[in-house]
Amino acid sequence: MNPELEASARADNDRYVLQSWHEWDVEEGERRIVLCVETALELRPGFPGFDSDKLDVLIADATDMMHASPSPIDAIRIIPEKR
């Protein structure tokens, strides 16, 4: 199945990204732009509610966001929902 069609067919409430933003990581004068993605998904394997298929979808969505950004993004950071 085409992942782009699959993503476009999902309703907004079926997506796993709560919010996203960019951060800079600066180390020894080198700057990297990081796409931070907050999610309510359980990210710890072995814990109740963890679903590797849902995590794969989240990673694919975040990667699509990274490629669609007009500025170059060097990395993705997935962050658990702040409660």
PDB file of N, CA and C in Angstrom:
ATOM      1  N   MET A   1       0.840  -1.181   0.000  1.00  0.00           N
ATOM      2  CA  MET A   1       0.000   0.000   0.000  1.00  0.00           C
ATOM      3  C   MET A   1       0.884   1.243   0.000  1.00  0.00           C
ATOM      4  N   ASN A   2       0.460   2.290  -0.671  1.00  0.00           N
ATOM      5  CA  ASN A   2       1.200   3.539  -0.765  1.00  0.00           C
ATOM      6  C   ASN A   2       1.132   4.297   0.560  1.00  0.00           C
ATOM      7  N   PRO A   3       2.288   4.525   1.246  1.00  0.00           N
ATOM      8  CA  PRO A   3       2.272   5.202   2.539  1.00  0.00           C
ATOM      9  C   PRO A   3       1.715   6.628   2.464  1.00  0.00           C
ATOM     10  N   GLU A   4       1.926   7.315   1.324  1.00  0.00           N
ATOM     11  CA  GLU A   4       1.401   8.675   1.195  1.00  0.00           C
ATOM     12  C   GLU A   4      -0.123   8.669   1.187  1.00  0.00           C
ATOM     13  N   LEU A   5      -0.725   7.726   0.469  1.00  0.00           N
ATOM     14  CA  LEU A   5      -2.178   7.619   0.461  1.00  0.00           C
ATOM     15  C   LEU A   5      -2.691   7.218   1.833  1.00  0.00           C
ATOM     16  N   GLU A   6      -1.969   6.306   2.463  1.00  0.00           N
ATOM     17  CA  GLU A   6      -2.365   5.851   3.795  1.00  0.00           C
ATOM     18  C   GLU A   6      -2.370   7.028   4.779  1.00  0.00           C
ATOM     19  N   ALA A   7      -1.339   7.865   4.744  1.00  0.00           N
ATOM     20  CA  ALA A   7      -1.257   9.017   5.648  1.00  0.00           C
ATOM     21  C   ALA A   7      -2.348  10.033   5.350  1.00  0.00           C
ATOM     22  N   SER A   8      -2.631  10.270   4.072  1.00  0.00           N
ATOM     23  CA  SER A   8      -3.640  11.266   3.735  1.00  0.00           C
ATOM     24  C   SER A   8      -5.047  10.775   4.057  1.00  0.00           C
ATOM     25  N   ALA A   9      -5.228   9.463   4.142  1.00  0.00           N
ATOM     26  CA  ALA A   9      -6.552   8.910   4.431  1.00  0.00           C
ATOM     27  C   ALA A   9      -6.900   8.976   5.912  1.00  0.00           C
ATOM     28  N   ARG A  10      -5.875   9.111   6.774  1.00  0.00           N
ATOM     29  CA  ARG A  10      -6.133   9.159   8.215  1.00  0.00           C
ATOM     30  C   ARG A  10      -6.742  10.498   8.595  1.00  0.00           C
ATOM     31  N   ALA A  11      -7.666  10.470   9.519  1.00  0.00           N
ATOM     32  CA  ALA A  11      -8.217  11.709  10.063  1.00  0.00           C
ATOM     33  C   ALA A  11      -7.170  12.319  10.975  1.00  0.00           C
ATOM     34  N   ASP A  12      -7.252  13.639  11.188  1.00  0.00           N
ATOM     35  CA  ASP A  12      -6.277  14.313  12.043  1.00  0.00           C
ATOM     36  C   ASP A  12      -6.180  13.678  13.423  1.00  0.00           C
ATOM     37  N   ASN A  13      -7.299  13.194  13.953  1.00  0.00           N
ATOM     38  CA  ASN A  13      -7.261  12.620  15.289  1.00  0.00           C
ATOM     39  C   ASN A  13      -6.640  11.230  15.313  1.00  0.00           C
ATOM     40  N   ASP A  14      -6.302  10.676  14.159  1.00  0.00           N
ATOM     41  CA  ASP A  14      -5.626   9.387  14.103  1.00  0.00           C
ATOM     42  C   ASP A  14      -4.117   9.545  14.005  1.00  0.00           C
ATOM     43  N   ARG A  15      -3.639  10.756  13.875  1.00  0.00           N
ATOM     44  CA  ARG A  15      -2.206  10.981  13.792  1.00  0.00           C
ATOM     45  C   ARG A  15      -1.633  11.010  15.196  1.00  0.00           C
ATOM     46  N   TYR A  16      -0.380  10.647  15.300  1.00  0.00           N
ATOM     47  CA  TYR A  16       0.220  10.460  16.609  1.00  0.00           C
ATOM     48  C   TYR A  16       1.070  11.645  17.053  1.00  0.00           C
ATOM     49  N   VAL A  17       1.208  12.662  16.221  1.00  0.00           N
ATOM     50  CA  VAL A  17       1.991  13.841  16.563  1.00  0.00           C
ATOM     51  C   VAL A  17       1.084  14.836  17.279  1.00  0.00           C
ATOM     52  N   LEU A  18       1.427  15.187  18.520  1.00  0.00           N
ATOM     53  CA  LEU A  18       0.653  16.188  19.254  1.00  0.00           C
ATOM     54  C   LEU A  18       1.075  17.590  18.841  1.00  0.00           C
ATOM     55  N   GLN A  19       2.378  17.810  18.820  1.00  0.00           N
ATOM     56  CA  GLN A  19       2.922  19.075  18.343  1.00  0.00           C
ATOM     57  C   GLN A  19       4.365  18.857  17.921  1.00  0.00           C
ATOM     58  N   SER A  20       4.896  19.816  17.182  1.00  0.00           N
ATOM     59  CA  SER A  20       6.287  19.702  16.748  1.00  0.00           C
ATOM     60  C   SER A  20       6.915  21.085  16.725  1.00  0.00           C
ATOM     61  N   TRP A  21       8.231  21.109  16.826  1.00  0.00           N
ATOM     62  CA  TRP A  21       8.985  22.352  16.806  1.00  0.00           C
ATOM     63  C   TRP A  21      10.424  22.027  16.430  1.00  0.00           C
ATOM     64  N   HIS A  22      11.202  23.074  16.159  1.00  0.00           N
ATOM     65  CA  HIS A  22      12.620  22.908  15.840  1.00  0.00           C
ATOM     66  C   HIS A  22      13.454  23.385  17.019  1.00  0.00           C
ATOM     67  N   GLU A  23      14.538  22.696  17.268  1.00  0.00           N
ATOM     68  CA  GLU A  23      15.527  23.109  18.266  1.00  0.00           C
ATOM     69  C   GLU A  23      16.896  23.078  17.608  1.00  0.00           C
ATOM     70  N   TRP A  24      17.817  23.782  18.207  1.00  0.00           N
ATOM     71  CA  TRP A  24      19.206  23.718  17.767  1.00  0.00           C
ATOM     72  C   TRP A  24      20.001  22.940  18.788  1.00  0.00           C
ATOM     73  N   ASP A  25      20.868  22.076  18.329  1.00  0.00           N
ATOM     74  CA  ASP A  25      21.891  21.446  19.152  1.00  0.00           C
ATOM     75  C   ASP A  25      23.212  22.057  18.705  1.00  0.00           C
ATOM     76  N   VAL A  26      23.924  22.657  19.647  1.00  0.00           N
ATOM     77  CA  VAL A  26      25.206  23.278  19.325  1.00  0.00           C
ATOM     78  C   VAL A  26      26.287  22.574  20.126  1.00  0.00           C
ATOM     79  N   GLU A  27      27.269  22.053  19.406  1.00  0.00           N
ATOM     80  CA  GLU A  27      28.387  21.375  20.049  1.00  0.00           C
ATOM     81  C   GLU A  27      29.662  21.740  19.319  1.00  0.00           C
ATOM     82  N   GLU A  28      30.608  22.303  20.062  1.00  0.00           N
ATOM     83  CA  GLU A  28      31.900  22.707  19.505  1.00  0.00           C
ATOM     84  C   GLU A  28      31.736  23.579  18.265  1.00  0.00           C
ATOM     85  N   GLY A  29      30.815  24.520  18.331  1.00  0.00           N
ATOM     86  CA  GLY A  29      30.617  25.451  17.229  1.00  0.00           C
ATOM     87  C   GLY A  29      29.783  24.925  16.078  1.00  0.00           C
ATOM     88  N   GLU A  30      29.462  23.660  16.094  1.00  0.00           N
ATOM     89  CA  GLU A  30      28.624  23.057  15.049  1.00  0.00           C
ATOM     90  C   GLU A  30      27.157  23.149  15.461  1.00  0.00           C
ATOM     91  N   ARG A  31      26.320  23.612  14.559  1.00  0.00           N
ATOM     92  CA  ARG A  31      24.891  23.717  14.838  1.00  0.00           C
ATOM     93  C   ARG A  31      24.140  22.677  14.025  1.00  0.00           C
ATOM     94  N   ARG A  32      23.258  21.931  14.720  1.00  0.00           N
ATOM     95  CA  ARG A  32      22.389  20.962  14.055  1.00  0.00           C
ATOM     96  C   ARG A  32      20.951  21.362  14.342  1.00  0.00           C
ATOM     97  N   ILE A  33      20.111  21.300  13.336  1.00  0.00           N
ATOM     98  CA  ILE A  33      18.689  21.583  13.514  1.00  0.00           C
ATOM     99  C   ILE A  33      17.976  20.255  13.758  1.00  0.00           C
ATOM    100  N   VAL A  34      17.194  20.216  14.838  1.00  0.00           N
ATOM    101  CA  VAL A  34      16.500  19.003  15.248  1.00  0.00           C
ATOM    102  C   VAL A  34      14.995  19.243  15.196  1.00  0.00           C
ATOM    103  N   LEU A  35      14.277  18.370  14.521  1.00  0.00           N
ATOM    104  CA  LEU A  35      12.816  18.396  14.520  1.00  0.00           C
ATOM    105  C   LEU A  35      12.363  17.607  15.740  1.00  0.00           C
ATOM    106  N   CYS A  36      11.714  18.287  16.688  1.00  0.00           N
ATOM    107  CA  CYS A  36      11.201  17.634  17.890  1.00  0.00           C
ATOM    108  C   CYS A  36       9.720  17.332  17.673  1.00  0.00           C
ATOM    109  N   VAL A  37       9.333  16.107  17.953  1.00  0.00           N
ATOM    110  CA  VAL A  37       7.960  15.655  17.745  1.00  0.00           C
ATOM    111  C   VAL A  37       7.444  15.104  19.068  1.00  0.00           C
ATOM    112  N   GLU A  38       6.392  15.718  19.593  1.00  0.00           N
ATOM    113  CA  GLU A  38       5.784  15.248  20.834  1.00  0.00           C
ATOM    114  C   GLU A  38       4.646  14.289  20.499  1.00  0.00           C
ATOM    115  N   THR A  39       4.574  13.187  21.250  1.00  0.00           N
ATOM    116  CA  THR A  39       3.557  12.174  20.994  1.00  0.00           C
ATOM    117  C   THR A  39       3.010  11.609  22.296  1.00  0.00           C
ATOM    118  N   ALA A  40       1.781  11.123  22.245  1.00  0.00           N
ATOM    119  CA  ALA A  40       1.162  10.455  23.391  1.00  0.00           C
ATOM    120  C   ALA A  40       1.410   8.949  23.343  1.00  0.00           C
ATOM    121  N   LEU A  41       2.065   8.464  22.287  1.00  0.00           N
ATOM    122  CA  LEU A  41       2.336   7.031  22.176  1.00  0.00           C
ATOM    123  C   LEU A  41       3.298   6.577  23.271  1.00  0.00           C
ATOM    124  N   GLU A  42       3.128   5.348  23.714  1.00  0.00           N
ATOM    125  CA  GLU A  42       4.101   4.737  24.623  1.00  0.00           C
ATOM    126  C   GLU A  42       5.344   4.422  23.809  1.00  0.00           C
ATOM    127  N   LEU A  43       6.494   4.940  24.220  1.00  0.00           N
ATOM    128  CA  LEU A  43       7.723   4.785  23.452  1.00  0.00           C
ATOM    129  C   LEU A  43       8.645   3.708  24.000  1.00  0.00           C
ATOM    130  N   ARG A  44       8.297   3.104  25.129  1.00  0.00           N
ATOM    131  CA  ARG A  44       9.175   2.129  25.781  1.00  0.00           C
ATOM    132  C   ARG A  44       8.702   0.704  25.483  1.00  0.00           C
ATOM    133  N   PRO A  45       9.502  -0.050  24.705  1.00  0.00           N
ATOM    134  CA  PRO A  45       9.143  -1.444  24.422  1.00  0.00           C
ATOM    135  C   PRO A  45       8.971  -2.225  25.722  1.00  0.00           C
ATOM    136  N   GLY A  46       7.965  -3.082  25.747  1.00  0.00           N
ATOM    137  CA  GLY A  46       7.709  -3.906  26.916  1.00  0.00           C
ATOM    138  C   GLY A  46       6.746  -3.282  27.913  1.00  0.00           C
ATOM    139  N   PHE A  47       6.468  -1.988  27.765  1.00  0.00           N
ATOM    140  CA  PHE A  47       5.517  -1.329  28.655  1.00  0.00           C
ATOM    141  C   PHE A  47       4.111  -1.458  28.074  1.00  0.00           C
ATOM    142  N   PRO A  48       3.085  -1.471  28.944  1.00  0.00           N
ATOM    143  CA  PRO A  48       1.705  -1.559  28.453  1.00  0.00           C
ATOM    144  C   PRO A  48       1.395  -0.417  27.473  1.00  0.00           C
ATOM    145  N   GLY A  49       0.768  -0.771  26.375  1.00  0.00           N
ATOM    146  CA  GLY A  49       0.386   0.218  25.380  1.00  0.00           C
ATOM    147  C   GLY A  49       1.404   0.422  24.275  1.00  0.00           C
ATOM    148  N   PHE A  50       2.599  -0.139  24.418  1.00  0.00           N
ATOM    149  CA  PHE A  50       3.596   0.017  23.353  1.00  0.00           C
ATOM    150  C   PHE A  50       3.133  -0.733  22.117  1.00  0.00           C
ATOM    151  N   ASP A  51       3.203  -0.052  20.968  1.00  0.00           N
ATOM    152  CA  ASP A  51       2.782  -0.639  19.697  1.00  0.00           C
ATOM    153  C   ASP A  51       3.812  -0.248  18.641  1.00  0.00           C
ATOM    154  N   SER A  52       4.620  -1.195  18.232  1.00  0.00           N
ATOM    155  CA  SER A  52       5.694  -0.888  17.279  1.00  0.00           C
ATOM    156  C   SER A  52       5.147  -0.417  15.934  1.00  0.00           C
ATOM    157  N   ASP A  53       3.971  -0.901  15.526  1.00  0.00           N
ATOM    158  CA  ASP A  53       3.396  -0.450  14.257  1.00  0.00           C
ATOM    159  C   ASP A  53       3.023   1.033  14.318  1.00  0.00           C
ATOM    160  N   LYS A  54       2.434   1.456  15.437  1.00  0.00           N
ATOM    161  CA  LYS A  54       2.082   2.879  15.598  1.00  0.00           C
ATOM    162  C   LYS A  54       3.340   3.737  15.652  1.00  0.00           C
ATOM    163  N   LEU A  55       4.381   3.228  16.309  1.00  0.00           N
ATOM    164  CA  LEU A  55       5.639   3.966  16.369  1.00  0.00           C
ATOM    165  C   LEU A  55       6.247   4.092  14.973  1.00  0.00           C
ATOM    166  N   ASP A  56       6.157   3.044  14.169  1.00  0.00           N
ATOM    167  CA  ASP A  56       6.650   3.106  12.791  1.00  0.00           C
ATOM    168  C   ASP A  56       5.911   4.176  11.994  1.00  0.00           C
ATOM    169  N   VAL A  57       4.598   4.289  12.186  1.00  0.00           N
ATOM    170  CA  VAL A  57       3.808   5.320  11.497  1.00  0.00           C
ATOM    171  C   VAL A  57       4.256   6.701  11.950  1.00  0.00           C
ATOM    172  N   LEU A  58       4.481   6.866  13.254  1.00  0.00           N
ATOM    173  CA  LEU A  58       4.947   8.151  13.781  1.00  0.00           C
ATOM    174  C   LEU A  58       6.291   8.520  13.164  1.00  0.00           C
ATOM    175  N   ILE A  59       7.200   7.573  13.096  1.00  0.00           N
ATOM    176  CA  ILE A  59       8.515   7.840  12.515  1.00  0.00           C
ATOM    177  C   ILE A  59       8.385   8.212  11.040  1.00  0.00           C
ATOM    178  N   ALA A  60       7.517   7.531  10.313  1.00  0.00           N
ATOM    179  CA  ALA A  60       7.293   7.856   8.898  1.00  0.00           C
ATOM    180  C   ALA A  60       6.706   9.259   8.750  1.00  0.00           C
ATOM    181  N   ASP A  61       5.736   9.614   9.611  1.00  0.00           N
ATOM    182  CA  ASP A  61       5.147  10.955   9.559  1.00  0.00           C
ATOM    183  C   ASP A  61       6.196  12.021   9.878  1.00  0.00           C
ATOM    184  N   ALA A  62       7.027  11.773  10.891  1.00  0.00           N
ATOM    185  CA  ALA A  62       8.067  12.730  11.262  1.00  0.00           C
ATOM    186  C   ALA A  62       9.099  12.874  10.141  1.00  0.00           C
ATOM    187  N   THR A  63       9.430  11.772   9.499  1.00  0.00           N
ATOM    188  CA  THR A  63      10.369  11.818   8.376  1.00  0.00           C
ATOM    189  C   THR A  63       9.779  12.621   7.222  1.00  0.00           C
ATOM    190  N   ASP A  64       8.483  12.454   6.951  1.00  0.00           N
ATOM    191  CA  ASP A  64       7.821  13.249   5.913  1.00  0.00           C
ATOM    192  C   ASP A  64       7.862  14.736   6.270  1.00  0.00           C
ATOM    193  N   MET A  65       7.638  15.065   7.550  1.00  0.00           N
ATOM    194  CA  MET A  65       7.706  16.461   8.003  1.00  0.00           C
ATOM    195  C   MET A  65       9.112  17.009   7.791  1.00  0.00           C
ATOM    196  N   MET A  66      10.118  16.187   8.082  1.00  0.00           N
ATOM    197  CA  MET A  66      11.509  16.599   7.930  1.00  0.00           C
ATOM    198  C   MET A  66      11.817  16.905   6.466  1.00  0.00           C
ATOM    199  N   HIS A  67      11.372  16.035   5.568  1.00  0.00           N
ATOM    200  CA  HIS A  67      11.644  16.228   4.138  1.00  0.00           C
ATOM    201  C   HIS A  67      10.847  17.382   3.549  1.00  0.00           C
ATOM    202  N   ALA A  68       9.703  17.711   4.135  1.00  0.00           N
ATOM    203  CA  ALA A  68       8.872  18.794   3.624  1.00  0.00           C
ATOM    204  C   ALA A  68       9.318  20.168   4.123  1.00  0.00           C
ATOM    205  N   SER A  69      10.196  20.196   5.099  1.00  0.00           N
ATOM    206  CA  SER A  69      10.651  21.462   5.677  1.00  0.00           C
ATOM    207  C   SER A  69      11.495  22.236   4.674  1.00  0.00           C
ATOM    208  N   PRO A  70      11.270  23.554   4.571  1.00  0.00           N
ATOM    209  CA  PRO A  70      12.077  24.351   3.653  1.00  0.00           C
ATOM    210  C   PRO A  70      13.527  24.508   4.134  1.00  0.00           C
ATOM    211  N   SER A  71      13.764  24.353   5.427  1.00  0.00           N
ATOM    212  CA  SER A  71      15.127  24.433   5.934  1.00  0.00           C
ATOM    213  C   SER A  71      15.634  23.024   6.226  1.00  0.00           C
ATOM    214  N   PRO A  72      16.929  22.814   6.064  1.00  0.00           N
ATOM    215  CA  PRO A  72      17.463  21.470   6.276  1.00  0.00           C
ATOM    216  C   PRO A  72      17.388  21.063   7.745  1.00  0.00           C
ATOM    217  N   ILE A  73      16.947  19.848   7.995  1.00  0.00           N
ATOM    218  CA  ILE A  73      16.852  19.306   9.346  1.00  0.00           C
ATOM    219  C   ILE A  73      17.831  18.143   9.428  1.00  0.00           C
ATOM    220  N   ASP A  74      18.622  18.140  10.497  1.00  0.00           N
ATOM    221  CA  ASP A  74      19.673  17.144  10.639  1.00  0.00           C
ATOM    222  C   ASP A  74      19.245  15.899  11.408  1.00  0.00           C
ATOM    223  N   ALA A  75      18.219  16.026  12.263  1.00  0.00           N
ATOM    224  CA  ALA A  75      17.833  14.894  13.103  1.00  0.00           C
ATOM    225  C   ALA A  75      16.387  15.052  13.548  1.00  0.00           C
ATOM    226  N   ILE A  76      15.824  13.943  14.021  1.00  0.00           N
ATOM    227  CA  ILE A  76      14.472  13.928  14.593  1.00  0.00           C
ATOM    228  C   ILE A  76      14.585  13.458  16.034  1.00  0.00           C
ATOM    229  N   ARG A  77      13.888  14.143  16.930  1.00  0.00           N
ATOM    230  CA  ARG A  77      13.828  13.724  18.336  1.00  0.00           C
ATOM    231  C   ARG A  77      12.364  13.481  18.681  1.00  0.00           C
ATOM    232  N   ILE A  78      12.024  12.268  19.100  1.00  0.00           N
ATOM    233  CA  ILE A  78      10.663  11.940  19.482  1.00  0.00           C
ATOM    234  C   ILE A  78      10.572  12.055  21.002  1.00  0.00           C
ATOM    235  N   ILE A  79       9.607  12.844  21.472  1.00  0.00           N
ATOM    236  CA  ILE A  79       9.485  13.188  22.873  1.00  0.00           C
ATOM    237  C   ILE A  79       8.127  12.723  23.390  1.00  0.00           C
ATOM    238  N   PRO A  80       8.112  12.064  24.566  1.00  0.00           N
ATOM    239  CA  PRO A  80       6.817  11.661  25.139  1.00  0.00           C
ATOM    240  C   PRO A  80       6.012  12.885  25.556  1.00  0.00           C
ATOM    241  N   GLU A  81       4.700  12.740  25.525  1.00  0.00           N
ATOM    242  CA  GLU A  81       3.777  13.809  25.903  1.00  0.00           C
ATOM    243  C   GLU A  81       4.105  14.306  27.302  1.00  0.00           C
ATOM    244  N   LYS A  82       4.107  15.634  27.450  1.00  0.00           N
ATOM    245  CA  LYS A  82       4.318  16.244  28.759  1.00  0.00           C
ATOM    246  C   LYS A  82       2.985  16.251  29.477  1.00  0.00           C
ATOM    247  N   ARG A  83       2.913  15.578  30.590  1.00  0.00           N
ATOM    248  CA  ARG A  83       1.641  15.476  31.320  1.00  0.00           C
ATOM    249  C   ARG A  83       1.621  16.369  32.509  1.00  0.00           C
TER     250      ARG A  83
END
